[in-house]
C-alpha atoms as a PDB file:
ATOM      1  CA  MET A   1     -47.913  11.810   2.845  1.00  0.00           C
ATOM      2  CA  MET A   2     -45.280  11.912   5.434  1.00  0.00           C
ATOM      3  CA  ARG A   3     -43.808   8.346   4.188  1.00  0.00           C
ATOM      4  CA  ALA A   4     -43.925   9.716   0.347  1.00  0.00           C
ATOM      5  CA  ARG A   5     -42.287  12.537   1.601  1.00  0.00           C
ATOM      6  CA  ARG A   6     -39.400  10.470   3.341  1.00  0.00           C
ATOM      7  CA  ASN A   7     -39.223   8.501   0.899  1.00  0.00           C
ATOM      8  CA  THR A   8     -38.200  11.218  -1.948  1.00  0.00           C
ATOM      9  CA  LEU A   9     -35.962  13.184   0.786  1.00  0.00           C
ATOM     10  CA  ILE A  10     -33.764   9.552   1.369  1.00  0.00           C
ATOM     11  CA  ALA A  11     -34.024   8.897  -2.742  1.00  0.00           C
ATOM     12  CA  ALA A  12     -32.321  12.573  -3.085  1.00  0.00           C
ATOM     13  CA  VAL A  13     -30.336  11.816  -0.560  1.00  0.00           C
ATOM     14  CA  ALA A  14     -28.769   8.874  -2.149  1.00  0.00           C
ATOM     15  CA  VAL A  15     -28.629  10.369  -5.556  1.00  0.00           C
ATOM     16  CA  ALA A  16     -26.677  13.484  -4.192  1.00  0.00           C
ATOM     17  CA  LEU A  17     -24.341  10.483  -2.366  1.00  0.00           C
ATOM     18  CA  LEU A  18     -24.157   8.772  -5.727  1.00  0.00           C
ATOM     19  CA  LEU A  19     -23.051  12.280  -7.802  1.00  0.00           C
ATOM     20  CA  ILE A  20     -20.354  12.634  -5.435  1.00  0.00           C
ATOM     21  CA  VAL A  21     -18.800   9.575  -5.738  1.00  0.00           C
ATOM     22  CA  ALA A  22     -19.177   9.529  -9.195  1.00  0.00           C
ATOM     23  CA  THR A  23     -17.229  12.669  -9.477  1.00  0.00           C
ATOM     24  CA  PHE A  24     -15.126  12.442  -6.592  1.00  0.00           C
ATOM     25  CA  PRO A  25     -11.368  13.030  -8.388  1.00  0.00           C
ATOM     26  CA  MET A  26      -9.170  10.025  -8.700  1.00  0.00           C
ATOM     27  CA  ARG A  27      -6.077  11.945  -7.759  1.00  0.00           C
ATOM     28  CA  LEU A  28      -7.793  12.425  -4.285  1.00  0.00           C
ATOM     29  CA  ALA A  29      -8.801   9.598  -3.816  1.00  0.00           C
ATOM     30  CA  LEU A  30      -5.352   7.873  -4.473  1.00  0.00           C
ATOM     31  CA  GLY A  31      -3.845   9.943  -2.205  1.00  0.00           C
ATOM     32  CA  TRP A  32      -5.712   9.137   0.807  1.00  0.00           C
ATOM     33  CA  SER A  33      -6.213   5.518   0.222  1.00  0.00           C
ATOM     34  CA  GLY A  34      -2.660   4.726   0.699  1.00  0.00           C
ATOM     35  CA  ALA A  35      -1.975   3.530  -2.697  1.00  0.00           C
ATOM     36  CA  GLY A  36       1.400   5.201  -2.735  1.00  0.00           C
ATOM     37  CA  ASP A  37       2.722   2.913  -0.160  1.00  0.00           C
ATOM     38  CA  ALA A  38       1.563  -0.030  -2.259  1.00  0.00           C
ATOM     39  CA  GLY A  39       4.350   1.285  -4.774  1.00  0.00           C
ATOM     40  CA  VAL A  40       1.849   2.739  -7.006  1.00  0.00           C
ATOM     41  CA  ALA A  41       2.835   6.362  -8.687  1.00  0.00           C
ATOM     42  CA  ALA A  42       2.248   8.376 -11.767  1.00  0.00           C
ATOM     43  CA  ARG A  43       3.221  11.442 -13.199  1.00  0.00           C
ATOM     44  CA  ALA A  44      -0.296  12.451 -13.812  1.00  0.00           C
ATOM     45  CA  VAL A  45      -3.865  11.316 -12.576  1.00  0.00           C
ATOM     46  CA  ARG A  46      -6.801  12.496 -14.511  1.00  0.00           C
ATOM     47  CA  GLY A  47     -10.651  11.883 -13.944  1.00  0.00           C
ATOM     48  CA  SER A  48     -12.925  10.405 -11.465  1.00  0.00           C
ATOM     49  CA  ILE A  49     -12.469   7.157  -9.513  1.00  0.00           C
ATOM     50  CA  TRP A  50     -15.468   5.759 -11.761  1.00  0.00           C
ATOM     51  CA  SER A  51     -13.423   6.541 -15.148  1.00  0.00           C
ATOM     52  CA  GLY A  52      -9.875   7.927 -14.369  1.00  0.00           C
ATOM     53  CA  GLU A  53      -6.814   7.915 -16.523  1.00  0.00           C
ATOM     54  CA  LEU A  54      -2.909   7.255 -14.467  1.00  0.00           C
ATOM     55  CA  VAL A  55      -0.261   8.859 -17.129  1.00  0.00           C
ATOM     56  CA  ASP A  56       3.063   7.260 -17.022  1.00  0.00           C
ATOM     57  CA  ALA A  57       2.181   4.774 -14.211  1.00  0.00           C
ATOM     58  CA  ARG A  58       4.337   2.606 -12.209  1.00  0.00           C
ATOM     59  CA  LEU A  59       4.290  -0.192  -9.493  1.00  0.00           C
ATOM     60  CA  GLY A  60       7.432  -0.403  -7.784  1.00  0.00           C
ATOM     61  CA  ALA A  61      10.058  -0.454 -10.999  1.00  0.00           C
ATOM     62  CA  ILE A  62       7.576  -2.017 -12.898  1.00  0.00           C
ATOM     63  CA  PRO A  63       6.054   0.590 -15.734  1.00  0.00           C
ATOM     64  CA  LEU A  64       2.555  -0.084 -16.312  1.00  0.00           C
ATOM     65  CA  GLY A  65       2.185   3.141 -19.139  1.00  0.00           C
ATOM     66  CA  THR A  66      -0.621   4.959 -19.341  1.00  0.00           C
ATOM     67  CA  VAL A  67      -3.638   2.863 -18.087  1.00  0.00           C
ATOM     68  CA  GLU A  68      -7.515   3.672 -17.627  1.00  0.00           C
ATOM     69  CA  ALA A  69      -8.372   2.631 -14.251  1.00  0.00           C
ATOM     70  CA  SER A  70     -11.410   2.830 -11.495  1.00  0.00           C
ATOM     71  CA  LEU A  71     -11.446   2.813  -7.692  1.00  0.00           C
ATOM     72  CA  SER A  72     -14.045   0.372  -6.198  1.00  0.00           C
ATOM     73  CA  PRO A  73     -16.531   2.714  -4.293  1.00  0.00           C
ATOM     74  CA  LEU A  74     -17.465  -0.212  -1.755  1.00  0.00           C
ATOM     75  CA  ALA A  75     -13.521  -0.868  -0.995  1.00  0.00           C
ATOM     76  CA  LEU A  76     -13.289   2.679  -0.414  1.00  0.00           C
ATOM     77  CA  LEU A  77     -15.885   2.641   2.525  1.00  0.00           C
ATOM     78  CA  LEU A  78     -14.519  -0.264   3.904  1.00  0.00           C
ATOM     79  CA  GLY A  79     -11.081   1.303   4.452  1.00  0.00           C
ATOM     80  CA  GLN A  80      -9.412  -0.440   1.440  1.00  0.00           C
ATOM     81  CA  THR A  81      -8.067   0.211  -1.884  1.00  0.00           C
ATOM     82  CA  GLU A  82      -9.011  -2.072  -5.125  1.00  0.00           C
ATOM     83  CA  LEU A  83      -7.842  -0.506  -8.573  1.00  0.00           C
ATOM     84  CA  ALA A  84      -8.556  -2.064 -11.831  1.00  0.00           C
ATOM     85  CA  PHE A  85      -6.714  -1.313 -14.451  1.00  0.00           C
ATOM     86  CA  SER A  86      -6.679  -1.618 -18.531  1.00  0.00           C
ATOM     87  CA  ARG A  87      -4.348  -0.582 -21.147  1.00  0.00           C
ATOM     88  CA  SER A  88      -4.547  -1.244 -24.705  1.00  0.00           C
ATOM     89  CA  ASP A  89      -1.969   0.135 -26.439  1.00  0.00           C
ATOM     90  CA  GLU A  90      -0.433  -1.192 -30.014  1.00  0.00           C
ATOM     91  CA  ARG A  91       3.097  -0.591 -29.216  1.00  0.00           C
ATOM     92  CA  LEU A  92       3.173  -1.391 -25.627  1.00  0.00           C
ATOM     93  CA  GLY A  93       0.588  -4.482 -25.398  1.00  0.00           C
ATOM     94  CA  ALA A  94      -2.710  -5.231 -24.059  1.00  0.00           C
ATOM     95  CA  LEU A  95      -2.400  -4.913 -19.901  1.00  0.00           C
ATOM     96  CA  THR A  96      -5.478  -5.798 -17.530  1.00  0.00           C
ATOM     97  CA  GLY A  97      -5.853  -6.371 -13.770  1.00  0.00           C
ATOM     98  CA  ARG A  98      -6.360  -5.132 -10.180  1.00  0.00           C
ATOM     99  CA  LEU A  99      -4.323  -3.925  -7.748  1.00  0.00           C
ATOM    100  CA  HIS A 100      -4.521  -3.946  -3.800  1.00  0.00           C
ATOM    101  CA  GLY A 101      -3.168  -1.650  -1.404  1.00  0.00           C
ATOM    102  CA  SER A 102      -4.383  -2.679   1.780  1.00  0.00           C
ATOM    103  CA  SER A 103      -3.859  -6.066   3.483  1.00  0.00           C
ATOM    104  CA  PRO A 104      -3.674  -8.681   1.921  1.00  0.00           C
ATOM    105  CA  ARG A 105      -1.815  -6.074  -0.726  1.00  0.00           C
ATOM    106  CA  GLY A 106      -0.666  -6.729  -4.213  1.00  0.00           C
ATOM    107  CA  ILE A 107      -2.111  -7.590  -7.458  1.00  0.00           C
ATOM    108  CA  SER A 108      -4.836 -10.243  -9.053  1.00  0.00           C
ATOM    109  CA  ASN A 109      -5.808 -11.345 -12.276  1.00  0.00           C
ATOM    110  CA  VAL A 110      -3.072  -9.610 -14.198  1.00  0.00           C
ATOM    111  CA  ASP A 111      -2.619 -10.389 -17.941  1.00  0.00           C
ATOM    112  CA  GLY A 112      -0.550  -8.739 -20.474  1.00  0.00           C
ATOM    113  CA  VAL A 113       2.933  -7.709 -20.555  1.00  0.00           C
ATOM    114  CA  THR A 114       5.212  -4.991 -19.006  1.00  0.00           C
ATOM    115  CA  THR A 115       8.930  -4.090 -19.147  1.00  0.00           C
ATOM    116  CA  LEU A 116      10.828  -4.910 -16.212  1.00  0.00           C
ATOM    117  CA  ALA A 117      13.296  -1.514 -15.480  1.00  0.00           C
ATOM    118  CA  GLY A 118      16.577  -2.655 -14.470  1.00  0.00           C
ATOM    119  CA  GLY A 119      16.123  -6.159 -15.441  1.00  0.00           C
ATOM    120  CA  LEU A 120      17.440  -8.763 -12.231  1.00  0.00           C
ATOM    121  CA  GLY A 121      20.453  -6.997 -11.919  1.00  0.00           C
ATOM    122  CA  PRO A 122      23.064  -8.922 -14.319  1.00  0.00           C
ATOM    123  CA  ILE A 123      20.288 -11.194 -15.750  1.00  0.00           C
ATOM    124  CA  PRO A 124      19.200  -9.370 -18.621  1.00  0.00           C
ATOM    125  CA  VAL A 125      15.603  -9.458 -18.249  1.00  0.00           C
ATOM    126  CA  ASP A 126      13.536  -6.523 -20.217  1.00  0.00           C
ATOM    127  CA  THR A 127      10.071  -7.827 -20.811  1.00  0.00           C
ATOM    128  CA  VAL A 128       7.318  -9.821 -18.335  1.00  0.00           C
ATOM    129  CA  ARG A 129       4.240 -11.399 -19.427  1.00  0.00           C
ATOM    130  CA  PHE A 130       1.583 -12.055 -16.746  1.00  0.00           C
ATOM    131  CA  GLU A 131      -1.008 -14.900 -17.446  1.00  0.00           C
ATOM    132  CA  GLY A 132      -4.249 -15.138 -14.979  1.00  0.00           C
ATOM    133  CA  ALA A 133      -1.211 -13.653 -12.395  1.00  0.00           C
ATOM    134  CA  THR A 134      -2.515 -13.302  -8.724  1.00  0.00           C
ATOM    135  CA  ILE A 135       0.289 -12.215  -6.029  1.00  0.00           C
ATOM    136  CA  ARG A 136      -1.183 -10.644  -2.449  1.00  0.00           C
ATOM    137  CA  PHE A 137       0.764 -10.635   0.795  1.00  0.00           C
ATOM    138  CA  GLY A 138      -0.271  -9.822   4.645  1.00  0.00           C
ATOM    139  CA  ALA A 139       0.319  -6.932   6.341  1.00  0.00           C
ATOM    140  CA  ASP A 140       3.803  -8.929   7.753  1.00  0.00           C
ATOM    141  CA  GLY A 141       5.052  -9.306   4.800  1.00  0.00           C
ATOM    142  CA  ARG A 142       4.717 -12.592   4.058  1.00  0.00           C
ATOM    143  CA  CYS A 143       3.180 -14.232   0.530  1.00  0.00           C
ATOM    144  CA  VAL A 144      -0.369 -15.254   1.601  1.00  0.00           C
ATOM    145  CA  GLU A 145      -1.441 -16.182  -2.170  1.00  0.00           C
ATOM    146  CA  ALA A 146       0.064 -16.263  -5.567  1.00  0.00           C
ATOM    147  CA  SER A 147      -1.023 -18.256  -9.034  1.00  0.00           C
ATOM    148  CA  GLY A 148      -1.160 -18.112 -12.672  1.00  0.00           C
ATOM    149  CA  ARG A 149       1.836 -17.745 -14.797  1.00  0.00           C
ATOM    150  CA  LEU A 150       5.083 -15.503 -15.378  1.00  0.00           C
ATOM    151  CA  GLN A 151       6.978 -15.438 -18.351  1.00  0.00           C
ATOM    152  CA  LEU A 152       9.994 -13.612 -18.511  1.00  0.00           C
ATOM    153  CA  MET A 153      11.905 -12.262 -21.840  1.00  0.00           C
ATOM    154  CA  VAL A 154      15.496 -12.158 -21.979  1.00  0.00           C
ATOM    155  CA  ALA A 155      16.779  -9.970 -24.843  1.00  0.00           C
ATOM    156  CA  ALA A 156      20.287  -9.927 -24.768  1.00  0.00           C
ATOM    157  CA  PRO A 157      22.252 -13.253 -25.042  1.00  0.00           C
ATOM    158  CA  ILE A 158      23.778 -14.783 -22.565  1.00  0.00           C
ATOM    159  CA  ALA A 159      27.303 -16.318 -23.365  1.00  0.00           C
ATOM    160  CA  GLY A 160      25.889 -17.213 -26.688  1.00  0.00           C
ATOM    161  CA  LEU A 161      23.019 -18.383 -26.096  1.00  0.00           C
ATOM    162  CA  ASP A 162      19.584 -17.661 -27.498  1.00  0.00           C
ATOM    163  CA  LEU A 163      16.303 -17.341 -25.095  1.00  0.00           C
ATOM    164  CA  SER A 164      14.451 -14.755 -27.004  1.00  0.00           C
ATOM    165  CA  ARG A 165      11.625 -17.054 -26.258  1.00  0.00           C
ATOM    166  CA  GLY A 166      11.742 -16.672 -22.632  1.00  0.00           C
ATOM    167  CA  LEU A 167      11.449 -18.731 -19.925  1.00  0.00           C
ATOM    168  CA  SER A 168       8.037 -19.713 -18.031  1.00  0.00           C
ATOM    169  CA  GLY A 169       6.411 -21.032 -15.262  1.00  0.00           C
ATOM    170  CA  PRO A 170       4.125 -21.213 -12.146  1.00  0.00           C
ATOM    171  CA  LEU A 171       3.560 -18.591  -9.369  1.00  0.00           C
ATOM    172  CA  ARG A 172       2.963 -19.777  -5.810  1.00  0.00           C
ATOM    173  CA  CYS A 173       3.473 -19.255  -2.014  1.00  0.00           C
ATOM    174  CA  ALA A 174       6.800 -20.231  -0.984  1.00  0.00           C
ATOM    175  CA  GLY A 175       8.397 -20.078   2.627  1.00  0.00           C
ATOM    176  CA  GLY A 176       6.450 -16.711   3.070  1.00  0.00           C
ATOM    177  CA  ARG A 177       7.673 -15.224  -0.182  1.00  0.00           C
ATOM    178  CA  ALA A 178       6.379 -15.366  -4.077  1.00  0.00           C
ATOM    179  CA  GLN A 179       8.109 -17.775  -5.952  1.00  0.00           C
ATOM    180  CA  ALA A 180       8.150 -18.524  -9.479  1.00  0.00           C
ATOM    181  CA  ALA A 181       9.807 -21.258 -11.246  1.00  0.00           C
ATOM    182  CA  LEU A 182      10.261 -20.619 -14.783  1.00  0.00           C
ATOM    183  CA  ALA A 183      12.098 -22.934 -17.336  1.00  0.00           C
ATOM    184  CA  SER A 184      13.430 -22.533 -20.779  1.00  0.00           C
ATOM    185  CA  GLN A 185      11.497 -24.312 -23.760  1.00  0.00           C
ATOM    186  CA  SER A 186      14.275 -27.157 -23.888  1.00  0.00           C
ATOM    187  CA  GLY A 187      14.753 -26.942 -20.123  1.00  0.00           C
ATOM    188  CA  MET A 188      18.464 -26.652 -20.320  1.00  0.00           C
ATOM    189  CA  GLU A 189      17.331 -23.543 -18.624  1.00  0.00           C
ATOM    190  CA  ARG A 190      15.975 -22.439 -15.182  1.00  0.00           C
ATOM    191  CA  LEU A 191      15.236 -19.392 -13.125  1.00  0.00           C
ATOM    192  CA  THR A 192      13.919 -19.543  -9.762  1.00  0.00           C
ATOM    193  CA  LEU A 193      12.774 -16.072  -8.919  1.00  0.00           C
ATOM    194  CA  SER A 194      11.310 -15.381  -5.038  1.00  0.00           C
ATOM    195  CA  PHE A 195      10.344 -11.777  -3.581  1.00  0.00           C
ATOM    196  CA  ASP A 196       8.784 -10.735  -0.607  1.00  0.00           C
ATOM    197  CA  GLY A 197       5.965  -8.110   0.040  1.00  0.00           C
ATOM    198  CA  GLN A 198       8.673  -5.481   0.156  1.00  0.00           C
ATOM    199  CA  GLY A 199       9.909  -5.964  -3.196  1.00  0.00           C
ATOM    200  CA  ALA A 200      13.535  -7.549  -2.097  1.00  0.00           C
ATOM    201  CA  TYR A 201      13.713 -10.292  -4.690  1.00  0.00           C
ATOM    202  CA  ARG A 202      16.501 -13.438  -5.001  1.00  0.00           C
ATOM    203  CA  ALA A 203      16.961 -14.724  -8.404  1.00  0.00           C
ATOM    204  CA  GLN A 204      19.102 -17.961  -9.489  1.00  0.00           C
ATOM    205  CA  PHE A 205      19.657 -18.658 -13.111  1.00  0.00           C
ATOM    206  CA  ALA A 206      21.058 -22.303 -13.586  1.00  0.00           C
ATOM    207  CA  ILE A 207      22.342 -23.403 -17.110  1.00  0.00           C
ATOM    208  CA  ASN A 208      23.335 -27.305 -17.918  1.00  0.00           C
ATOM    209  CA  VAL A 209      25.792 -26.795 -20.590  1.00  0.00           C
ATOM    210  CA  ASP A 210      26.365 -30.212 -21.137  1.00  0.00           C
ATOM    211  CA  ASP A 211      30.142 -30.644 -20.721  1.00  0.00           C
ATOM    212  CA  ASP A 212      30.786 -27.572 -23.550  1.00  0.00           C
ATOM    213  CA  PRO A 213      33.967 -26.327 -22.648  1.00  0.00           C
ATOM    214  CA  ALA A 214      33.546 -22.891 -24.591  1.00  0.00           C
ATOM    215  CA  MET A 215      29.946 -22.737 -23.255  1.00  0.00           C
ATOM    216  CA  ALA A 216      31.298 -23.438 -19.759  1.00  0.00           C
ATOM    217  CA  ALA A 217      33.936 -20.742 -20.319  1.00  0.00           C
ATOM    218  CA  ALA A 218      31.852 -18.254 -21.430  1.00  0.00           C
ATOM    219  CA  LEU A 219      29.017 -18.732 -18.454  1.00  0.00           C
ATOM    220  CA  ALA A 220      32.225 -18.167 -16.320  1.00  0.00           C
ATOM    221  CA  ALA A 221      33.495 -15.123 -17.573  1.00  0.00           C
ATOM    222  CA  PHE A 222      29.383 -14.076 -17.350  1.00  0.00           C
ATOM    223  CA  GLY A 223      29.777 -14.413 -13.325  1.00  0.00           C
ATOM    224  CA  PHE A 224      28.216 -18.125 -13.680  1.00  0.00           C
ATOM    225  CA  GLN A 225      29.836 -20.837 -10.893  1.00  0.00           C
ATOM    226  CA  SER A 226      30.024 -24.258 -11.435  1.00  0.00           C
ATOM    227  CA  GLY A 227      28.321 -26.390  -9.245  1.00  0.00           C
ATOM    228  CA  PRO A 228      26.540 -30.453  -9.420  1.00  0.00           C
ATOM    229  CA  GLY A 229      23.887 -29.285 -11.743  1.00  0.00           C
ATOM    230  CA  GLY A 230      25.306 -27.220 -14.401  1.00  0.00           C
ATOM    231  CA  PHE A 231      26.015 -23.556 -14.068  1.00  0.00           C
ATOM    232  CA  ALA A 232      24.395 -20.844 -11.731  1.00  0.00           C
ATOM    233  CA  LEU A 233      24.188 -17.199 -11.356  1.00  0.00           C
ATOM    234  CA  THR A 234      22.892 -15.932  -8.100  1.00  0.00           C
ATOM    235  CA  THR A 235      21.939 -12.283  -7.614  1.00  0.00           C
ATOM    236  CA  ASN A 236      19.740 -10.073  -5.213  1.00  0.00           C
ATOM    237  CA  GLY A 237      17.921  -6.941  -5.600  1.00  0.00           C
ATOM    238  CA  ARG A 238      14.547  -5.032  -4.927  1.00  0.00           C
ATOM    239  CA  PHE A 239      11.945  -4.135  -7.533  1.00  0.00           C
END
Protein backbone atom coordinates (compact mmCIF):
# COMPACT_ATOMS: atom_id res chain seq x y z
CA MET A 1 0.00 0.00 0.00
CA MET A 2 2.76 2.45 0.97
CA ARG A 3 4.69 1.64 -2.20
CA ALA A 4 1.59 2.21 -4.35
CA ARG A 5 0.98 5.60 -2.68
CA ARG A 6 4.63 6.56 -3.16
CA ASN A 7 4.51 5.62 -6.83
CA THR A 8 1.29 7.59 -7.27
CA LEU A 9 2.88 10.64 -5.62
CA ILE A 10 5.98 10.39 -7.80
CA ALA A 11 3.81 10.12 -10.92
CA ALA A 12 1.72 13.12 -9.85
CA VAL A 13 4.83 15.22 -9.21
CA ALA A 14 6.29 14.19 -12.58
CA VAL A 15 3.06 15.16 -14.37
CA ALA A 16 2.99 18.50 -12.52
CA LEU A 17 6.59 19.25 -13.48
CA LEU A 18 5.87 18.27 -17.07
CA LEU A 19 2.89 20.62 -17.19
CA ILE A 20 4.96 23.47 -15.71
CA VAL A 21 7.73 22.93 -18.26
CA ALA A 22 5.30 22.52 -21.14
CA THR A 23 3.54 25.83 -20.39
CA PHE A 24 6.58 27.84 -19.33
CA PRO A 25 6.62 31.11 -21.32
CA MET A 26 9.16 31.27 -24.13
CA ARG A 27 9.73 34.96 -23.37
CA LEU A 28 10.96 34.25 -19.83
CA ALA A 29 12.99 31.21 -20.89
CA LEU A 30 14.83 33.21 -23.57
CA GLY A 31 15.59 35.99 -21.10
CA TRP A 32 16.97 33.63 -18.49
CA SER A 33 18.89 31.49 -20.96
CA GLY A 34 21.13 34.30 -22.18
CA ALA A 35 19.91 34.06 -25.78
CA GLY A 36 20.22 37.84 -26.05
CA ASP A 37 23.94 37.58 -25.37
CA ALA A 38 24.17 35.23 -28.36
CA GLY A 39 22.63 37.89 -30.61
CA VAL A 40 19.04 36.59 -30.65
CA ALA A 41 16.42 39.34 -30.63
CA ALA A 42 12.73 39.62 -31.56
CA ARG A 43 10.07 42.31 -31.64
CA ALA A 44 7.74 39.99 -29.70
CA VAL A 45 7.93 36.50 -28.19
CA ARG A 46 4.82 34.38 -27.80
CA GLY A 47 3.87 30.93 -26.57
CA SER A 48 5.66 28.35 -24.46
CA ILE A 49 9.09 26.77 -24.72
CA TRP A 50 7.49 23.78 -26.47
CA SER A 51 5.60 25.83 -29.04
CA GLY A 52 6.66 29.44 -29.29
CA GLU A 53 6.81 32.15 -31.90
CA LEU A 54 9.47 34.83 -32.37
CA VAL A 55 8.08 37.79 -34.29
CA ASP A 56 10.55 39.64 -36.52
CA ALA A 57 13.45 37.68 -35.05
CA ARG A 58 17.07 38.51 -35.77
CA LEU A 59 20.42 36.84 -35.24
CA GLY A 60 22.76 39.79 -35.09
CA ALA A 61 22.38 41.59 -38.42
CA ILE A 62 20.67 38.59 -40.05
CA PRO A 63 16.86 38.92 -40.07
CA LEU A 64 15.09 35.59 -39.59
CA GLY A 65 11.55 36.90 -39.95
CA THR A 66 8.77 35.41 -37.83
CA VAL A 67 9.74 31.87 -36.87
CA GLU A 68 8.21 29.02 -34.94
CA ALA A 69 10.58 28.05 -32.13
CA SER A 70 11.06 25.56 -29.32
CA LEU A 71 13.69 25.38 -26.60
CA SER A 72 15.24 22.11 -25.51
CA PRO A 73 14.21 21.57 -21.84
CA LEU A 74 17.12 19.19 -21.32
CA ALA A 75 19.59 21.82 -22.51
CA LEU A 76 18.00 24.38 -20.17
CA LEU A 77 18.36 22.02 -17.20
CA LEU A 78 22.05 21.72 -18.09
CA GLY A 79 22.39 25.51 -18.19
CA GLN A 80 22.57 25.62 -22.01
CA THR A 81 20.47 27.19 -24.75
CA GLU A 82 19.36 25.20 -27.80
CA LEU A 83 16.59 26.76 -29.87
CA ALA A 84 15.07 24.92 -32.83
CA PHE A 85 13.44 27.28 -35.32
CA SER A 86 11.56 27.03 -38.59
CA ARG A 87 9.96 29.40 -41.05
CA SER A 88 7.65 28.53 -43.93
CA ASP A 89 6.97 31.81 -45.66
CA GLU A 90 6.10 31.96 -49.38
CA ARG A 91 7.49 35.49 -49.67
CA LEU A 92 10.70 35.03 -47.63
CA GLY A 93 11.28 31.34 -48.32
CA ALA A 94 11.79 28.41 -45.97
CA LEU A 95 14.38 28.47 -43.18
CA THR A 96 15.15 25.86 -40.51
CA GLY A 97 17.93 25.18 -38.04
CA ARG A 98 19.12 25.44 -34.46
CA LEU A 99 20.62 28.28 -32.45
CA HIS A 100 23.05 27.56 -29.63
CA GLY A 101 23.46 30.27 -27.00
CA SER A 102 26.03 28.52 -24.85
CA SER A 103 29.56 27.37 -25.58
CA PRO A 104 30.12 26.32 -28.24
CA ARG A 105 27.56 28.87 -29.42
CA GLY A 106 26.37 29.55 -32.94
CA ILE A 107 24.09 27.76 -35.40
CA SER A 108 23.76 24.19 -36.62
CA ASN A 109 21.99 22.33 -39.43
CA VAL A 110 20.67 25.52 -41.00
CA ASP A 111 18.94 25.25 -44.38
CA GLY A 112 17.16 28.02 -46.24
CA VAL A 113 17.49 31.63 -47.25
CA THR A 114 17.55 35.01 -45.54
CA THR A 115 18.64 38.54 -46.28
CA LEU A 116 21.80 40.21 -45.03
CA ALA A 117 21.10 43.68 -43.67
CA GLY A 118 23.66 46.18 -44.92
CA GLY A 119 25.44 43.66 -47.15
CA LEU A 120 29.22 43.41 -46.73
CA GLY A 121 30.12 47.08 -46.74
CA PRO A 122 30.67 48.13 -50.38
CA ILE A 123 30.01 44.58 -51.60
CA PRO A 124 26.24 44.59 -52.27
CA VAL A 125 25.34 41.13 -50.97
CA ASP A 126 21.63 41.03 -50.21
CA THR A 127 20.73 37.35 -49.75
CA VAL A 128 22.37 34.40 -47.99
CA ARG A 129 21.45 30.78 -48.65
CA PHE A 130 22.45 28.15 -46.08
CA GLU A 131 22.93 24.51 -47.06
CA GLY A 132 23.36 22.31 -43.98
CA ALA A 133 25.41 25.08 -42.37
CA THR A 134 26.96 24.69 -38.94
CA ILE A 135 29.09 27.47 -37.41
CA ARG A 136 30.02 27.32 -33.71
CA PHE A 137 32.47 29.21 -31.54
CA GLY A 138 34.06 28.42 -28.18
CA ALA A 139 34.00 30.66 -25.11
CA ASP A 140 37.18 32.39 -26.36
CA GLY A 141 35.46 33.34 -29.63
CA ARG A 142 37.47 30.92 -31.78
CA CYS A 143 35.81 28.73 -34.37
CA VAL A 144 35.49 25.13 -33.19
CA GLU A 145 33.18 23.73 -35.89
CA ALA A 146 32.16 24.88 -39.38
CA SER A 147 30.62 22.78 -42.12
CA GLY A 148 28.02 22.90 -44.87
CA ARG A 149 27.85 25.56 -47.58
CA LEU A 150 26.94 29.21 -48.11
CA GLN A 151 25.68 30.98 -51.20
CA LEU A 152 25.76 34.77 -51.36
CA MET A 153 23.59 36.56 -53.91
CA VAL A 154 24.78 39.89 -55.30
CA ALA A 155 21.74 41.69 -56.68
CA ALA A 156 23.31 44.99 -57.72
CA PRO A 157 25.80 44.82 -60.63
CA ILE A 158 29.46 45.55 -59.89
CA ALA A 159 31.21 47.32 -62.77
CA GLY A 160 28.84 45.66 -65.22
CA LEU A 161 29.33 42.11 -63.91
CA ASP A 162 26.23 39.89 -63.65
CA LEU A 163 26.50 37.99 -60.36
CA SER A 164 22.79 37.26 -59.99
CA ARG A 165 23.53 33.52 -59.77
CA GLY A 166 25.64 34.19 -56.72
CA LEU A 167 28.86 32.84 -55.30
CA SER A 168 28.93 29.61 -53.31
CA GLY A 169 31.37 27.44 -51.42
CA PRO A 170 32.09 25.39 -48.29
CA LEU A 171 32.44 26.50 -44.68
CA ARG A 172 35.41 25.59 -42.49
CA CYS A 173 37.43 26.81 -39.53
CA ALA A 174 40.70 28.57 -40.43
CA GLY A 175 43.01 30.33 -37.99
CA GLY A 176 40.38 30.42 -35.26
CA ARG A 177 37.79 32.05 -37.54
CA ALA A 178 34.91 30.65 -39.57
CA GLN A 179 35.67 30.94 -43.26
CA ALA A 180 33.68 30.54 -46.47
CA ALA A 181 35.62 30.37 -49.74
CA LEU A 182 33.05 31.28 -52.39
CA ALA A 183 33.25 31.36 -56.18
CA SER A 184 30.96 32.20 -59.06
CA GLN A 185 29.95 29.57 -61.61
CA SER A 186 32.67 30.74 -63.99
CA GLY A 187 35.32 30.78 -61.25
CA MET A 188 36.40 34.25 -62.41
CA GLU A 189 34.95 35.89 -59.29
CA ARG A 190 35.93 34.74 -55.81
CA LEU A 191 34.93 35.98 -52.38
CA THR A 192 36.62 34.84 -49.17
CA LEU A 193 34.59 35.67 -46.09
CA SER A 194 35.92 35.06 -42.57
CA PHE A 195 34.47 36.07 -39.20
CA ASP A 196 34.99 35.47 -35.49
CA GLY A 197 32.67 34.72 -32.57
CA GLN A 198 32.02 38.42 -31.98
CA GLY A 199 30.70 38.90 -35.52
CA ALA A 200 33.70 40.84 -36.85
CA TYR A 201 34.17 39.89 -40.49
CA ARG A 202 36.72 40.35 -43.27
CA ALA A 203 35.67 39.94 -46.89
CA GLN A 204 38.00 39.89 -49.89
CA PHE A 205 36.39 39.97 -53.31
CA ALA A 206 38.76 39.09 -56.18
CA ILE A 207 37.94 39.35 -59.89
CA ASN A 208 40.00 38.21 -62.88
CA VAL A 209 39.34 40.71 -65.69
CA ASP A 210 41.29 38.97 -68.51
CA ASP A 211 43.17 42.11 -69.61
CA ASP A 212 39.97 44.04 -70.30
CA PRO A 213 40.91 47.75 -69.99
CA ALA A 214 37.29 48.94 -69.76
CA MET A 215 36.46 46.43 -67.03
CA ALA A 216 39.69 47.23 -65.17
CA ALA A 217 38.82 50.93 -65.21
CA ALA A 218 35.30 50.24 -63.97
CA LEU A 219 36.58 48.05 -61.11
CA ALA A 220 39.17 50.63 -60.11
CA ALA A 221 36.44 53.27 -59.97
CA PHE A 222 34.44 50.95 -57.70
CA GLY A 223 37.37 50.70 -55.26
CA PHE A 224 39.10 47.50 -56.42
CA GLN A 225 42.89 47.43 -56.28
CA SER A 226 45.02 45.87 -59.02
CA GLY A 227 47.16 42.89 -58.00
CA PRO A 228 48.90 39.76 -59.37
CA GLY A 229 45.65 37.79 -59.56
CA GLY A 230 43.47 40.53 -61.02
CA PHE A 231 41.53 43.08 -58.99
CA ALA A 232 40.58 42.78 -55.32
CA LEU A 233 38.38 44.67 -52.87
CA THR A 234 38.84 44.06 -49.15
CA THR A 235 36.38 45.25 -46.52
CA ASN A 236 35.97 44.76 -42.77
CA GLY A 237 32.91 45.16 -40.60
CA ARG A 238 30.64 43.53 -38.05
CA PHE A 239 27.48 41.50 -38.51
